[in-house]
Amino acid sequence: MSYFHARTIPGEFDAVLERTRAALQKHGFGVLTEIDVQGTLKTKIGQDFRPYHILGACNPIMAHEALKLEPHVGAMLPCNVVLQQTDGGVEVFAIDPAASMRAIDNPALLEHAGKVGEHLRAAVDEI
């Protein structure tokens, strides 16, 4: 079982990053956090790294429902969507929320996480 959904998209990193933000927004997700791993590693430890961004995506309606189902689920939010430069283009991959929510014994939350995952997969597939 995979814990993420991915696809590789030809194109420039920044252009794919913008397309990713637009696809997430279309599916009701905002980007709450953004980590430029390449820039952080260069600044903090002087190491070069490929372009790599982690977007903390959140659909507020779905997050609210998850929090009503499980008050401690915030430890697993937001949903990460990652972009990394590869030889073949830009790989975009998103967490499968159901995979991480299996750690919580709450069938209703697991069902809800499956719905969130469908929206994330659709966003990734539309980039």
C-alpha atoms as a PDB file:
ATOM      1  CA  MET A   1       0.000   0.000   0.000  1.00  0.00           C
ATOM      2  CA  SER A   2       1.357   3.402  -0.945  1.00  0.00           C
ATOM      3  CA  TYR A   3       1.150   6.339   1.430  1.00  0.00           C
ATOM      4  CA  PHE A   4       1.196   8.933  -1.358  1.00  0.00           C
ATOM      5  CA  HIS A   5      -0.094   9.672  -4.850  1.00  0.00           C
ATOM      6  CA  ALA A   6       2.400  11.034  -7.392  1.00  0.00           C
ATOM      7  CA  ARG A   7       2.928  12.070 -10.954  1.00  0.00           C
ATOM      8  CA  THR A   8       5.779  13.678 -12.848  1.00  0.00           C
ATOM      9  CA  ILE A   9       5.012  16.761 -14.881  1.00  0.00           C
ATOM     10  CA  PRO A  10       7.267  18.161 -17.594  1.00  0.00           C
ATOM     11  CA  GLY A  11       8.082  21.825 -17.217  1.00  0.00           C
ATOM     12  CA  GLU A  12       9.859  24.405 -15.136  1.00  0.00           C
ATOM     13  CA  PHE A  13       9.701  23.998 -11.361  1.00  0.00           C
ATOM     14  CA  ASP A  14       8.155  27.404 -10.633  1.00  0.00           C
ATOM     15  CA  ALA A  15       5.494  26.955 -13.309  1.00  0.00           C
ATOM     16  CA  VAL A  16       4.523  23.526 -11.924  1.00  0.00           C
ATOM     17  CA  LEU A  17       4.465  25.016  -8.423  1.00  0.00           C
ATOM     18  CA  GLU A  18       1.950  27.644  -9.563  1.00  0.00           C
ATOM     19  CA  ARG A  19      -0.144  25.020 -11.371  1.00  0.00           C
ATOM     20  CA  THR A  20      -0.124  22.937  -8.188  1.00  0.00           C
ATOM     21  CA  ARG A  21      -1.378  25.843  -6.087  1.00  0.00           C
ATOM     22  CA  ALA A  22      -4.147  26.485  -8.632  1.00  0.00           C
ATOM     23  CA  ALA A  23      -5.225  22.823  -8.709  1.00  0.00           C
ATOM     24  CA  LEU A  24      -5.310  22.663  -4.916  1.00  0.00           C
ATOM     25  CA  GLN A  25      -7.388  25.832  -4.763  1.00  0.00           C
ATOM     26  CA  LYS A  26      -9.815  24.451  -7.336  1.00  0.00           C
ATOM     27  CA  HIS A  27     -10.421  21.513  -4.975  1.00  0.00           C
ATOM     28  CA  GLY A  28     -10.937  23.699  -1.903  1.00  0.00           C
ATOM     29  CA  PHE A  29      -7.408  23.516  -0.458  1.00  0.00           C
ATOM     30  CA  GLY A  30      -5.421  26.524   0.629  1.00  0.00           C
ATOM     31  CA  VAL A  31      -1.700  26.456   1.258  1.00  0.00           C
ATOM     32  CA  LEU A  32      -1.153  27.221   4.940  1.00  0.00           C
ATOM     33  CA  THR A  33       2.580  26.594   4.988  1.00  0.00           C
ATOM     34  CA  GLU A  34       5.341  26.378   2.432  1.00  0.00           C
ATOM     35  CA  ILE A  35       8.821  25.066   3.059  1.00  0.00           C
ATOM     36  CA  ASP A  36      11.552  25.660   0.495  1.00  0.00           C
ATOM     37  CA  VAL A  37      13.761  22.723   1.463  1.00  0.00           C
ATOM     38  CA  GLN A  38      16.443  23.657  -1.089  1.00  0.00           C
ATOM     39  CA  GLY A  39      16.745  27.191   0.304  1.00  0.00           C
ATOM     40  CA  THR A  40      16.568  26.059   3.918  1.00  0.00           C
ATOM     41  CA  LEU A  41      19.334  23.471   3.524  1.00  0.00           C
ATOM     42  CA  LYS A  42      21.547  26.016   1.766  1.00  0.00           C
ATOM     43  CA  THR A  43      20.959  28.681   4.425  1.00  0.00           C
ATOM     44  CA  LYS A  44      21.097  26.474   7.510  1.00  0.00           C
ATOM     45  CA  ILE A  45      23.808  23.947   6.679  1.00  0.00           C
ATOM     46  CA  GLY A  46      25.426  25.226   3.482  1.00  0.00           C
ATOM     47  CA  GLN A  47      24.320  22.204   1.434  1.00  0.00           C
ATOM     48  CA  ASP A  48      23.120  22.281  -2.151  1.00  0.00           C
ATOM     49  CA  PHE A  49      19.932  20.345  -2.875  1.00  0.00           C
ATOM     50  CA  ARG A  50      17.544  19.973  -5.788  1.00  0.00           C
ATOM     51  CA  PRO A  51      14.445  22.216  -5.914  1.00  0.00           C
ATOM     52  CA  TYR A  52      12.095  20.702  -3.312  1.00  0.00           C
ATOM     53  CA  HIS A  53       9.041  22.381  -1.773  1.00  0.00           C
ATOM     54  CA  ILE A  54       6.611  21.094   0.833  1.00  0.00           C
ATOM     55  CA  LEU A  55       3.151  22.691   0.738  1.00  0.00           C
ATOM     56  CA  GLY A  56       0.929  22.306   3.796  1.00  0.00           C
ATOM     57  CA  ALA A  57      -2.492  22.090   2.131  1.00  0.00           C
ATOM     58  CA  CYS A  58      -5.755  22.423   4.026  1.00  0.00           C
ATOM     59  CA  ASN A  59      -9.379  22.239   3.028  1.00  0.00           C
ATOM     60  CA  PRO A  60     -10.978  24.075   5.970  1.00  0.00           C
ATOM     61  CA  ILE A  61     -14.352  22.352   5.666  1.00  0.00           C
ATOM     62  CA  MET A  62     -12.770  18.911   5.617  1.00  0.00           C
ATOM     63  CA  ALA A  63     -10.307  19.813   8.392  1.00  0.00           C
ATOM     64  CA  HIS A  64     -13.183  21.020  10.568  1.00  0.00           C
ATOM     65  CA  GLU A  65     -15.027  17.742  10.043  1.00  0.00           C
ATOM     66  CA  ALA A  66     -11.898  15.743  10.919  1.00  0.00           C
ATOM     67  CA  LEU A  67     -11.403  17.771  14.098  1.00  0.00           C
ATOM     68  CA  LYS A  68     -15.020  17.096  15.105  1.00  0.00           C
ATOM     69  CA  LEU A  69     -14.424  13.359  14.576  1.00  0.00           C
ATOM     70  CA  GLU A  70     -11.097  13.251  16.423  1.00  0.00           C
ATOM     71  CA  PRO A  71      -9.885  16.146  18.603  1.00  0.00           C
ATOM     72  CA  HIS A  72      -6.194  15.194  18.397  1.00  0.00           C
ATOM     73  CA  VAL A  73      -6.073  14.775  14.607  1.00  0.00           C
ATOM     74  CA  GLY A  74      -4.494  18.219  14.347  1.00  0.00           C
ATOM     75  CA  ALA A  75      -1.184  16.489  15.037  1.00  0.00           C
ATOM     76  CA  MET A  76      -1.492  15.069  11.508  1.00  0.00           C
ATOM     77  CA  LEU A  77      -2.673  18.202   9.721  1.00  0.00           C
ATOM     78  CA  PRO A  78      -2.244  19.815   7.226  1.00  0.00           C
ATOM     79  CA  CYS A  79      -1.936  17.459   4.251  1.00  0.00           C
ATOM     80  CA  ASN A  80       1.498  17.667   2.652  1.00  0.00           C
ATOM     81  CA  VAL A  81       1.886  18.113  -1.074  1.00  0.00           C
ATOM     82  CA  VAL A  82       5.506  17.963  -2.217  1.00  0.00           C
ATOM     83  CA  LEU A  83       7.248  19.034  -5.399  1.00  0.00           C
ATOM     84  CA  GLN A  84      10.749  17.922  -6.296  1.00  0.00           C
ATOM     85  CA  GLN A  85      12.860  18.433  -9.382  1.00  0.00           C
ATOM     86  CA  THR A  86      13.730  15.191 -11.163  1.00  0.00           C
ATOM     87  CA  ASP A  87      15.554  14.386 -14.392  1.00  0.00           C
ATOM     88  CA  GLY A  88      12.167  13.863 -16.072  1.00  0.00           C
ATOM     89  CA  GLY A  89      10.462  17.050 -14.864  1.00  0.00           C
ATOM     90  CA  VAL A  90       8.835  17.927 -11.574  1.00  0.00           C
ATOM     91  CA  GLU A  91       7.427  15.154  -9.416  1.00  0.00           C
ATOM     92  CA  VAL A  92       4.369  16.217  -7.444  1.00  0.00           C
ATOM     93  CA  PHE A  93       3.194  13.914  -4.691  1.00  0.00           C
ATOM     94  CA  ALA A  94       0.551  14.192  -2.005  1.00  0.00           C
ATOM     95  CA  ILE A  95       0.013  12.257   1.185  1.00  0.00           C
ATOM     96  CA  ASP A  96      -2.753   9.679   1.233  1.00  0.00           C
ATOM     97  CA  PRO A  97      -4.574  10.889   4.361  1.00  0.00           C
ATOM     98  CA  ALA A  98      -6.194   7.478   4.855  1.00  0.00           C
ATOM     99  CA  ALA A  99      -2.753   5.877   5.132  1.00  0.00           C
ATOM    100  CA  SER A 100      -1.770   8.128   8.022  1.00  0.00           C
ATOM    101  CA  MET A 101      -5.191   8.041   9.688  1.00  0.00           C
ATOM    102  CA  ARG A 102      -5.036   4.244   9.975  1.00  0.00           C
ATOM    103  CA  ALA A 103      -2.913   4.905  13.063  1.00  0.00           C
ATOM    104  CA  ILE A 104      -6.062   6.224  14.782  1.00  0.00           C
ATOM    105  CA  ASP A 105      -8.764   3.773  15.819  1.00  0.00           C
ATOM    106  CA  ASN A 106     -11.687   5.757  14.436  1.00  0.00           C
ATOM    107  CA  PRO A 107     -13.577   4.257  11.446  1.00  0.00           C
ATOM    108  CA  ALA A 108     -15.493   7.483  10.773  1.00  0.00           C
ATOM    109  CA  LEU A 109     -12.230   9.425  10.562  1.00  0.00           C
ATOM    110  CA  LEU A 110     -10.744   6.843   8.219  1.00  0.00           C
ATOM    111  CA  GLU A 111     -13.769   7.125   5.937  1.00  0.00           C
ATOM    112  CA  HIS A 112     -13.489  10.908   5.987  1.00  0.00           C
ATOM    113  CA  ALA A 113      -9.756  10.723   5.242  1.00  0.00           C
ATOM    114  CA  GLY A 114     -10.567   8.647   2.161  1.00  0.00           C
ATOM    115  CA  LYS A 115     -12.739  11.491   0.862  1.00  0.00           C
ATOM    116  CA  VAL A 116      -9.986  14.027   1.519  1.00  0.00           C
ATOM    117  CA  GLY A 117      -7.574  11.772  -0.346  1.00  0.00           C
ATOM    118  CA  GLU A 118      -9.891  11.656  -3.362  1.00  0.00           C
ATOM    119  CA  HIS A 119      -9.771  15.446  -3.568  1.00  0.00           C
ATOM    120  CA  LEU A 120      -5.998  15.541  -3.222  1.00  0.00           C
ATOM    121  CA  ARG A 121      -5.560  12.853  -5.893  1.00  0.00           C
ATOM    122  CA  ALA A 122      -7.865  14.772  -8.230  1.00  0.00           C
ATOM    123  CA  ALA A 123      -5.853  17.958  -7.681  1.00  0.00           C
ATOM    124  CA  VAL A 124      -2.553  16.196  -8.406  1.00  0.00           C
ATOM    125  CA  ASP A 125      -3.999  14.530 -11.497  1.00  0.00           C
ATOM    126  CA  GLU A 126      -5.159  17.894 -12.874  1.00  0.00           C
ATOM    127  CA  ILE A 127      -1.780  19.621 -12.671  1.00  0.00           C
END
